[in-house]
Amino acid sequence: MKWIGKDMDTYSQAAEYIDTAVIPLIPAAPGKKMKDAVKMAEFTEYLAEYVEQQYTGRVFLLPPFTYLLTEPLADRMERLLTWQQAFSKEGFEHFLYLTADMDWRTADTKGNGELVWVPSFPLKGMDGRDKLQSIEQQAQQIIPIMTDKWTSSGRDDSQN
């Protein structure tokens, strides 16, 4: 499910089954770093959409967590943990943070979710089939992380 109106009705009827929030971590930057930030954002959003499609009915794709590349990592983490706490109160047990920004690799989520860094590559110029195949390969790294979390929590319906 996505952060869109038509999915909200479905979510309210099935909230007990949707225990995982997927949050894309999206950088923004002016000037010379803008192109790199856009590349990372496009890749991360496409990957997050793919994960959501694979696990519809189990995950909820939240809106992107956006930050400036110049924002200190500690400040980003503080804001991100505020998101996690707010959505935990609504029943989300698992959090998957997706990013293509290397700065996040050193972040400590303090056990409040799985932060997955995946190196981005330009999607511009790829046809739909090649783009999908490339994203599928990247997603194969994420799937075991998610299923391990679900299995360890005692509820593994990842095989639907």
N, C-alpha and C. Protein backbone atom coordinates (compact mmCIF):
# COMPACT_ATOMS: atom_id res chain seq x y z
N MET A 1 0.82 -1.17 0.00
CA MET A 1 0.00 0.00 0.00
C MET A 1 0.87 1.24 0.00
N LYS A 2 0.33 2.27 -0.58
CA LYS A 2 1.07 3.51 -0.73
C LYS A 2 0.36 4.62 0.02
N TRP A 3 1.03 5.70 0.16
CA TRP A 3 0.53 6.89 0.83
C TRP A 3 -0.35 7.66 -0.15
N ILE A 4 -1.43 7.04 -0.58
CA ILE A 4 -2.38 7.67 -1.50
C ILE A 4 -3.79 7.38 -1.00
N GLY A 5 -4.71 8.25 -1.37
CA GLY A 5 -6.08 8.17 -0.88
C GLY A 5 -6.76 6.83 -1.10
N LYS A 6 -6.64 6.27 -2.29
CA LYS A 6 -7.36 5.02 -2.58
C LYS A 6 -6.86 3.86 -1.73
N ASP A 7 -5.62 3.90 -1.29
CA ASP A 7 -5.09 2.82 -0.45
C ASP A 7 -5.45 2.99 1.03
N MET A 8 -5.87 4.17 1.43
CA MET A 8 -6.18 4.41 2.84
C MET A 8 -7.39 3.61 3.31
N ASP A 9 -8.40 3.47 2.46
CA ASP A 9 -9.57 2.67 2.84
C ASP A 9 -9.17 1.21 3.04
N THR A 10 -8.38 0.70 2.13
CA THR A 10 -7.91 -0.68 2.26
C THR A 10 -7.06 -0.83 3.52
N TYR A 11 -6.20 0.13 3.77
CA TYR A 11 -5.35 0.07 4.95
C TYR A 11 -6.20 0.02 6.23
N SER A 12 -7.21 0.89 6.32
CA SER A 12 -7.99 0.91 7.55
C SER A 12 -8.73 -0.40 7.79
N GLN A 13 -9.05 -1.13 6.73
CA GLN A 13 -9.73 -2.42 6.89
C GLN A 13 -8.75 -3.56 7.18
N ALA A 14 -7.49 -3.39 6.80
CA ALA A 14 -6.52 -4.48 6.92
C ALA A 14 -5.30 -4.10 7.76
N ALA A 15 -5.40 -3.06 8.57
CA ALA A 15 -4.25 -2.55 9.33
C ALA A 15 -3.57 -3.62 10.18
N GLU A 16 -4.33 -4.57 10.68
CA GLU A 16 -3.73 -5.60 11.55
C GLU A 16 -2.73 -6.48 10.81
N TYR A 17 -2.83 -6.53 9.48
CA TYR A 17 -1.92 -7.37 8.69
C TYR A 17 -0.72 -6.60 8.15
N ILE A 18 -0.81 -5.29 8.19
CA ILE A 18 0.23 -4.44 7.61
C ILE A 18 1.10 -3.93 8.75
N ASP A 19 2.22 -4.62 8.96
CA ASP A 19 3.05 -4.31 10.12
C ASP A 19 4.41 -3.72 9.76
N THR A 20 4.64 -3.48 8.48
CA THR A 20 5.96 -3.02 8.04
C THR A 20 5.84 -1.71 7.27
N ALA A 21 6.59 -0.71 7.71
CA ALA A 21 6.64 0.58 7.02
C ALA A 21 7.94 0.64 6.22
N VAL A 22 7.81 1.01 4.96
CA VAL A 22 8.97 1.22 4.10
C VAL A 22 9.12 2.73 3.93
N ILE A 23 10.29 3.24 4.28
CA ILE A 23 10.52 4.68 4.20
C ILE A 23 11.75 4.95 3.34
N PRO A 24 11.53 5.53 2.14
CA PRO A 24 12.67 5.92 1.32
C PRO A 24 13.34 7.16 1.91
N LEU A 25 14.65 7.14 2.01
CA LEU A 25 15.42 8.27 2.51
C LEU A 25 15.96 9.02 1.30
N ILE A 26 15.43 10.22 1.08
CA ILE A 26 15.67 10.95 -0.17
C ILE A 26 16.45 12.24 0.08
N PRO A 27 17.65 12.35 -0.51
CA PRO A 27 18.42 13.57 -0.34
C PRO A 27 17.98 14.67 -1.30
N ALA A 28 18.20 15.90 -0.86
CA ALA A 28 18.00 17.07 -1.72
C ALA A 28 19.26 17.92 -1.58
N ALA A 29 19.63 18.55 -2.67
CA ALA A 29 20.83 19.39 -2.64
C ALA A 29 20.75 20.41 -3.76
N PRO A 30 21.10 21.64 -3.48
CA PRO A 30 21.16 22.64 -4.54
C PRO A 30 22.52 22.59 -5.24
N GLY A 31 22.61 23.32 -6.32
CA GLY A 31 23.90 23.51 -6.98
C GLY A 31 24.49 22.27 -7.60
N LYS A 32 25.80 22.12 -7.43
CA LYS A 32 26.56 21.06 -8.10
C LYS A 32 26.15 19.66 -7.67
N LYS A 33 25.63 19.51 -6.49
CA LYS A 33 25.25 18.18 -5.99
C LYS A 33 23.81 17.80 -6.35
N MET A 34 23.09 18.71 -6.99
CA MET A 34 21.69 18.46 -7.30
C MET A 34 21.52 17.23 -8.20
N LYS A 35 22.34 17.11 -9.21
CA LYS A 35 22.21 15.99 -10.15
C LYS A 35 22.41 14.65 -9.44
N ASP A 36 23.41 14.56 -8.58
CA ASP A 36 23.64 13.32 -7.82
C ASP A 36 22.48 13.03 -6.89
N ALA A 37 21.96 14.07 -6.24
CA ALA A 37 20.82 13.88 -5.32
C ALA A 37 19.60 13.37 -6.08
N VAL A 38 19.37 13.92 -7.25
CA VAL A 38 18.23 13.48 -8.07
C VAL A 38 18.41 12.02 -8.48
N LYS A 39 19.62 11.65 -8.87
CA LYS A 39 19.89 10.26 -9.26
C LYS A 39 19.61 9.31 -8.09
N MET A 40 20.10 9.66 -6.91
CA MET A 40 19.87 8.82 -5.73
C MET A 40 18.38 8.75 -5.39
N ALA A 41 17.70 9.88 -5.50
CA ALA A 41 16.27 9.93 -5.17
C ALA A 41 15.46 9.08 -6.13
N GLU A 42 15.71 9.24 -7.41
CA GLU A 42 14.96 8.48 -8.41
C GLU A 42 15.16 6.98 -8.21
N PHE A 43 16.38 6.57 -8.01
CA PHE A 43 16.68 5.16 -7.81
C PHE A 43 15.99 4.63 -6.55
N THR A 44 16.13 5.35 -5.45
CA THR A 44 15.55 4.91 -4.17
C THR A 44 14.04 4.81 -4.25
N GLU A 45 13.40 5.79 -4.86
CA GLU A 45 11.94 5.76 -4.97
C GLU A 45 11.48 4.60 -5.85
N TYR A 46 12.19 4.35 -6.92
CA TYR A 46 11.83 3.24 -7.80
C TYR A 46 11.98 1.91 -7.07
N LEU A 47 13.05 1.76 -6.31
CA LEU A 47 13.28 0.54 -5.54
C LEU A 47 12.21 0.37 -4.47
N ALA A 48 11.86 1.44 -3.79
CA ALA A 48 10.82 1.37 -2.75
C ALA A 48 9.47 0.97 -3.35
N GLU A 49 9.15 1.51 -4.51
CA GLU A 49 7.90 1.14 -5.20
C GLU A 49 7.91 -0.36 -5.53
N TYR A 50 9.04 -0.85 -5.98
CA TYR A 50 9.14 -2.27 -6.33
C TYR A 50 8.91 -3.14 -5.09
N VAL A 51 9.56 -2.79 -3.98
CA VAL A 51 9.38 -3.55 -2.73
C VAL A 51 7.92 -3.52 -2.31
N GLU A 52 7.29 -2.36 -2.41
CA GLU A 52 5.87 -2.25 -2.04
C GLU A 52 5.02 -3.16 -2.91
N GLN A 53 5.28 -3.20 -4.19
CA GLN A 53 4.50 -4.06 -5.10
C GLN A 53 4.68 -5.53 -4.76
N GLN A 54 5.88 -5.92 -4.37
CA GLN A 54 6.14 -7.32 -4.05
C GLN A 54 5.44 -7.75 -2.76
N TYR A 55 5.24 -6.82 -1.85
CA TYR A 55 4.67 -7.16 -0.55
C TYR A 55 3.39 -6.39 -0.25
N THR A 56 2.60 -6.12 -1.27
CA THR A 56 1.32 -5.47 -1.05
C THR A 56 0.51 -6.30 -0.08
N GLY A 57 -0.06 -5.64 0.91
CA GLY A 57 -0.83 -6.34 1.92
C GLY A 57 -0.02 -6.64 3.16
N ARG A 58 1.26 -6.39 3.11
CA ARG A 58 2.14 -6.60 4.27
C ARG A 58 2.92 -5.34 4.61
N VAL A 59 3.23 -4.53 3.60
CA VAL A 59 4.02 -3.32 3.83
C VAL A 59 3.22 -2.09 3.43
N PHE A 60 3.60 -0.98 4.03
CA PHE A 60 3.01 0.31 3.69
C PHE A 60 4.17 1.23 3.31
N LEU A 61 4.11 1.76 2.09
CA LEU A 61 5.14 2.67 1.60
C LEU A 61 4.77 4.08 2.06
N LEU A 62 5.51 4.58 3.02
CA LEU A 62 5.28 5.92 3.54
C LEU A 62 5.88 6.96 2.60
N PRO A 63 5.51 8.22 2.78
CA PRO A 63 6.12 9.25 1.94
C PRO A 63 7.62 9.33 2.20
N PRO A 64 8.37 9.79 1.24
CA PRO A 64 9.82 9.86 1.42
C PRO A 64 10.22 10.78 2.58
N PHE A 65 11.22 10.35 3.30
CA PHE A 65 11.86 11.16 4.33
C PHE A 65 12.92 11.97 3.60
N THR A 66 12.70 13.27 3.49
CA THR A 66 13.57 14.12 2.68
C THR A 66 14.46 14.97 3.59
N TYR A 67 15.68 15.14 3.17
CA TYR A 67 16.66 15.89 3.96
C TYR A 67 17.65 16.54 3.00
N LEU A 68 18.31 17.58 3.48
CA LEU A 68 19.39 18.20 2.72
C LEU A 68 20.67 17.41 2.93
N LEU A 69 21.44 17.25 1.89
CA LEU A 69 22.71 16.54 2.02
C LEU A 69 23.64 17.19 3.04
N THR A 70 23.46 18.48 3.26
CA THR A 70 24.30 19.20 4.22
C THR A 70 23.82 19.05 5.66
N GLU A 71 22.63 18.48 5.87
CA GLU A 71 22.11 18.29 7.23
C GLU A 71 22.94 17.23 7.95
N PRO A 72 23.41 17.52 9.14
CA PRO A 72 24.21 16.52 9.87
C PRO A 72 23.43 15.21 10.06
N LEU A 73 24.15 14.11 9.96
CA LEU A 73 23.53 12.79 10.08
C LEU A 73 22.81 12.63 11.41
N ALA A 74 23.38 13.15 12.48
CA ALA A 74 22.74 13.04 13.80
C ALA A 74 21.37 13.72 13.80
N ASP A 75 21.26 14.86 13.12
CA ASP A 75 19.97 15.56 13.04
C ASP A 75 18.97 14.77 12.21
N ARG A 76 19.45 14.20 11.11
CA ARG A 76 18.56 13.36 10.28
C ARG A 76 18.03 12.19 11.11
N MET A 77 18.94 11.54 11.84
CA MET A 77 18.55 10.37 12.64
C MET A 77 17.51 10.75 13.68
N GLU A 78 17.69 11.88 14.30
CA GLU A 78 16.73 12.32 15.32
C GLU A 78 15.35 12.49 14.70
N ARG A 79 15.30 13.14 13.54
CA ARG A 79 14.01 13.32 12.85
C ARG A 79 13.42 11.98 12.41
N LEU A 80 14.28 11.09 11.89
CA LEU A 80 13.81 9.79 11.42
C LEU A 80 13.26 8.96 12.57
N LEU A 81 13.91 9.00 13.71
CA LEU A 81 13.41 8.25 14.87
C LEU A 81 12.08 8.81 15.36
N THR A 82 11.85 10.11 15.16
CA THR A 82 10.55 10.70 15.48
C THR A 82 9.47 10.09 14.59
N TRP A 83 9.77 9.92 13.31
CA TRP A 83 8.84 9.25 12.39
C TRP A 83 8.56 7.83 12.88
N GLN A 84 9.63 7.12 13.19
CA GLN A 84 9.49 5.73 13.61
C GLN A 84 8.62 5.62 14.85
N GLN A 85 8.84 6.49 15.82
CA GLN A 85 8.04 6.45 17.04
C GLN A 85 6.57 6.75 16.76
N ALA A 86 6.31 7.72 15.91
CA ALA A 86 4.93 8.08 15.58
C ALA A 86 4.21 6.92 14.89
N PHE A 87 4.86 6.28 13.93
CA PHE A 87 4.21 5.19 13.21
C PHE A 87 4.18 3.90 14.02
N SER A 88 5.08 3.73 14.95
CA SER A 88 5.01 2.57 15.86
C SER A 88 3.73 2.62 16.67
N LYS A 89 3.34 3.81 17.08
CA LYS A 89 2.11 3.98 17.86
C LYS A 89 0.88 3.58 17.07
N GLU A 90 0.99 3.56 15.75
CA GLU A 90 -0.13 3.18 14.89
C GLU A 90 -0.09 1.70 14.52
N GLY A 91 0.83 0.95 15.11
CA GLY A 91 0.84 -0.50 14.90
C GLY A 91 1.94 -1.04 14.01
N PHE A 92 2.76 -0.18 13.45
CA PHE A 92 3.86 -0.69 12.63
C PHE A 92 4.94 -1.25 13.54
N GLU A 93 5.31 -2.50 13.30
CA GLU A 93 6.31 -3.18 14.12
C GLU A 93 7.69 -3.15 13.47
N HIS A 94 7.72 -3.14 12.15
CA HIS A 94 8.99 -3.23 11.42
C HIS A 94 9.14 -2.00 10.52
N PHE A 95 10.38 -1.54 10.41
CA PHE A 95 10.68 -0.38 9.58
C PHE A 95 11.85 -0.73 8.67
N LEU A 96 11.65 -0.44 7.39
CA LEU A 96 12.70 -0.63 6.40
C LEU A 96 13.00 0.73 5.80
N TYR A 97 14.22 1.20 6.01
CA TYR A 97 14.66 2.48 5.47
C TYR A 97 15.55 2.18 4.28
N LEU A 98 15.19 2.72 3.12
CA LEU A 98 15.95 2.49 1.89
C LEU A 98 16.65 3.77 1.47
N THR A 99 17.90 3.65 1.08
CA THR A 99 18.63 4.82 0.63
C THR A 99 19.74 4.43 -0.34
N ALA A 100 20.12 5.39 -1.16
CA ALA A 100 21.28 5.24 -2.04
C ALA A 100 22.38 6.21 -1.61
N ASP A 101 22.17 6.91 -0.52
CA ASP A 101 23.12 7.89 0.00
C ASP A 101 24.10 7.20 0.95
N MET A 102 25.37 7.18 0.57
CA MET A 102 26.41 6.50 1.37
C MET A 102 26.53 7.03 2.79
N ASP A 103 26.17 8.28 3.02
CA ASP A 103 26.28 8.85 4.36
C ASP A 103 25.51 8.05 5.40
N TRP A 104 24.43 7.42 4.99
CA TRP A 104 23.59 6.67 5.93
C TRP A 104 24.24 5.36 6.38
N ARG A 105 25.25 4.89 5.68
CA ARG A 105 25.84 3.59 6.03
C ARG A 105 26.38 3.55 7.45
N THR A 106 26.75 4.69 7.99
CA THR A 106 27.28 4.72 9.35
C THR A 106 26.21 5.01 10.40
N ALA A 107 24.97 5.18 9.96
CA ALA A 107 23.89 5.53 10.89
C ALA A 107 23.52 4.35 11.77
N ASP A 108 23.20 4.67 13.00
CA ASP A 108 22.75 3.66 13.96
C ASP A 108 21.26 3.86 14.20
N THR A 109 20.46 2.91 13.76
CA THR A 109 19.01 3.04 13.95
C THR A 109 18.59 2.62 15.35
N LYS A 110 19.55 2.26 16.17
CA LYS A 110 19.29 1.89 17.57
C LYS A 110 18.25 0.78 17.68
N GLY A 111 18.29 -0.14 16.73
CA GLY A 111 17.35 -1.25 16.76
C GLY A 111 15.94 -0.89 16.34
N ASN A 112 15.78 0.30 15.78
CA ASN A 112 14.45 0.77 15.38
C ASN A 112 14.23 0.65 13.88
N GLY A 113 14.62 -0.45 13.32
CA GLY A 113 14.41 -0.67 11.91
C GLY A 113 15.70 -1.08 11.21
N GLU A 114 15.51 -1.49 9.97
CA GLU A 114 16.64 -1.91 9.14
C GLU A 114 16.92 -0.83 8.12
N LEU A 115 18.15 -0.34 8.13
CA LEU A 115 18.56 0.65 7.16
C LEU A 115 19.36 -0.06 6.09
N VAL A 116 18.88 0.02 4.87
CA VAL A 116 19.53 -0.67 3.75
C VAL A 116 20.05 0.37 2.76
N TRP A 117 21.36 0.35 2.60
CA TRP A 117 21.99 1.20 1.59
C TRP A 117 22.23 0.35 0.35
N VAL A 118 21.76 0.86 -0.77
CA VAL A 118 21.96 0.18 -2.05
C VAL A 118 22.57 1.20 -3.00
N PRO A 119 23.71 0.89 -3.59
CA PRO A 119 24.32 1.86 -4.51
C PRO A 119 23.41 2.11 -5.70
N SER A 120 23.26 3.38 -6.02
CA SER A 120 22.38 3.73 -7.13
C SER A 120 23.13 3.67 -8.45
N PHE A 121 22.36 3.59 -9.50
CA PHE A 121 22.90 3.69 -10.85
C PHE A 121 21.86 4.45 -11.65
N PRO A 122 22.28 5.11 -12.72
CA PRO A 122 21.34 5.94 -13.47
C PRO A 122 20.26 5.10 -14.15
N LEU A 123 19.02 5.49 -13.94
CA LEU A 123 17.90 4.82 -14.59
C LEU A 123 17.55 5.50 -15.91
N LYS A 124 18.03 6.73 -16.05
CA LYS A 124 17.77 7.50 -17.27
C LYS A 124 18.32 6.74 -18.48
N GLY A 125 17.51 6.62 -19.49
CA GLY A 125 17.94 5.96 -20.71
C GLY A 125 17.70 4.47 -20.73
N MET A 126 17.34 3.88 -19.60
CA MET A 126 17.06 2.43 -19.58
C MET A 126 15.63 2.21 -20.05
N ASP A 127 15.42 1.16 -20.83
CA ASP A 127 14.04 0.85 -21.18
C ASP A 127 13.39 0.18 -19.96
N GLY A 128 12.09 0.07 -19.99
CA GLY A 128 11.33 -0.46 -18.86
C GLY A 128 11.78 -1.83 -18.41
N ARG A 129 12.07 -2.71 -19.35
CA ARG A 129 12.46 -4.08 -19.02
C ARG A 129 13.82 -4.12 -18.32
N ASP A 130 14.79 -3.38 -18.86
CA ASP A 130 16.12 -3.34 -18.24
C ASP A 130 16.07 -2.69 -16.85
N LYS A 131 15.27 -1.64 -16.74
CA LYS A 131 15.12 -0.96 -15.45
C LYS A 131 14.55 -1.92 -14.41
N LEU A 132 13.50 -2.64 -14.79
CA LEU A 132 12.86 -3.58 -13.88
C LEU A 132 13.83 -4.69 -13.48
N GLN A 133 14.55 -5.22 -14.44
CA GLN A 133 15.50 -6.30 -14.15
C GLN A 133 16.60 -5.82 -13.19
N SER A 134 17.09 -4.62 -13.39
CA SER A 134 18.12 -4.07 -12.51
C SER A 134 17.60 -3.85 -11.10
N ILE A 135 16.39 -3.33 -10.99
CA ILE A 135 15.78 -3.10 -9.67
C ILE A 135 15.51 -4.44 -8.98
N GLU A 136 15.06 -5.43 -9.73
CA GLU A 136 14.82 -6.76 -9.15
C GLU A 136 16.10 -7.32 -8.54
N GLN A 137 17.21 -7.15 -9.23
CA GLN A 137 18.49 -7.63 -8.70
C GLN A 137 18.84 -6.95 -7.38
N GLN A 138 18.60 -5.66 -7.31
CA GLN A 138 18.86 -4.93 -6.07
C GLN A 138 17.91 -5.38 -4.96
N ALA A 139 16.66 -5.60 -5.32
CA ALA A 139 15.65 -6.00 -4.33
C ALA A 139 15.96 -7.36 -3.73
N GLN A 140 16.65 -8.20 -4.47
CA GLN A 140 17.00 -9.53 -3.95
C GLN A 140 17.87 -9.43 -2.70
N GLN A 141 18.56 -8.32 -2.52
CA GLN A 141 19.35 -8.11 -1.31
C GLN A 141 18.46 -7.73 -0.12
N ILE A 142 17.33 -7.13 -0.41
CA ILE A 142 16.44 -6.61 0.64
C ILE A 142 15.49 -7.68 1.14
N ILE A 143 15.02 -8.53 0.26
CA ILE A 143 14.01 -9.53 0.61
C ILE A 143 14.42 -10.40 1.79
N PRO A 144 15.65 -10.95 1.83
CA PRO A 144 16.02 -11.76 3.00
C PRO A 144 16.02 -10.97 4.31
N ILE A 145 16.36 -9.71 4.26
CA ILE A 145 16.35 -8.88 5.46
C ILE A 145 14.93 -8.77 6.00
N MET A 146 13.99 -8.53 5.10
CA MET A 146 12.59 -8.40 5.52
C MET A 146 12.05 -9.73 6.05
N THR A 147 12.29 -10.80 5.33
CA THR A 147 11.73 -12.08 5.76
C THR A 147 12.37 -12.53 7.07
N ASP A 148 13.65 -12.24 7.29
CA ASP A 148 14.28 -12.56 8.57
C ASP A 148 13.60 -11.82 9.72
N LYS A 149 13.30 -10.55 9.51
CA LYS A 149 12.62 -9.76 10.54
C LYS A 149 11.24 -10.34 10.84
N TRP A 150 10.51 -10.67 9.79
CA TRP A 150 9.16 -11.21 9.99
C TRP A 150 9.22 -12.57 10.69
N THR A 151 10.17 -13.40 10.30
CA THR A 151 10.30 -14.72 10.90
C THR A 151 10.67 -14.60 12.38
N SER A 152 11.59 -13.71 12.69
CA SER A 152 12.02 -13.56 14.08
C SER A 152 10.94 -12.96 14.96
N SER A 153 9.97 -12.28 14.35
CA SER A 153 8.87 -11.72 15.14
C SER A 153 7.73 -12.71 15.29
N GLY A 154 7.88 -13.88 14.68
CA GLY A 154 6.86 -14.92 14.84
C GLY A 154 5.74 -14.86 13.83
N ARG A 155 5.82 -13.96 12.87
CA ARG A 155 4.75 -13.86 11.89
C ARG A 155 5.36 -13.76 10.50
N ASP A 156 5.45 -14.87 9.83
CA ASP A 156 6.05 -14.89 8.49
C ASP A 156 5.00 -15.28 7.47
N ASP A 157 4.37 -14.27 6.85
CA ASP A 157 3.47 -14.57 5.74
C ASP A 157 4.10 -14.06 4.45
N SER A 158 5.41 -14.02 4.40
CA SER A 158 6.09 -13.51 3.23
C SER A 158 5.96 -14.43 2.03
N GLN A 159 5.50 -15.62 2.23
CA GLN A 159 5.41 -16.60 1.15
C GLN A 159 4.07 -16.56 0.42
N ASN A 160 3.22 -15.51 0.63
CA ASN A 160 1.90 -15.51 -0.01
C ASN A 160 2.01 -15.50 -1.49
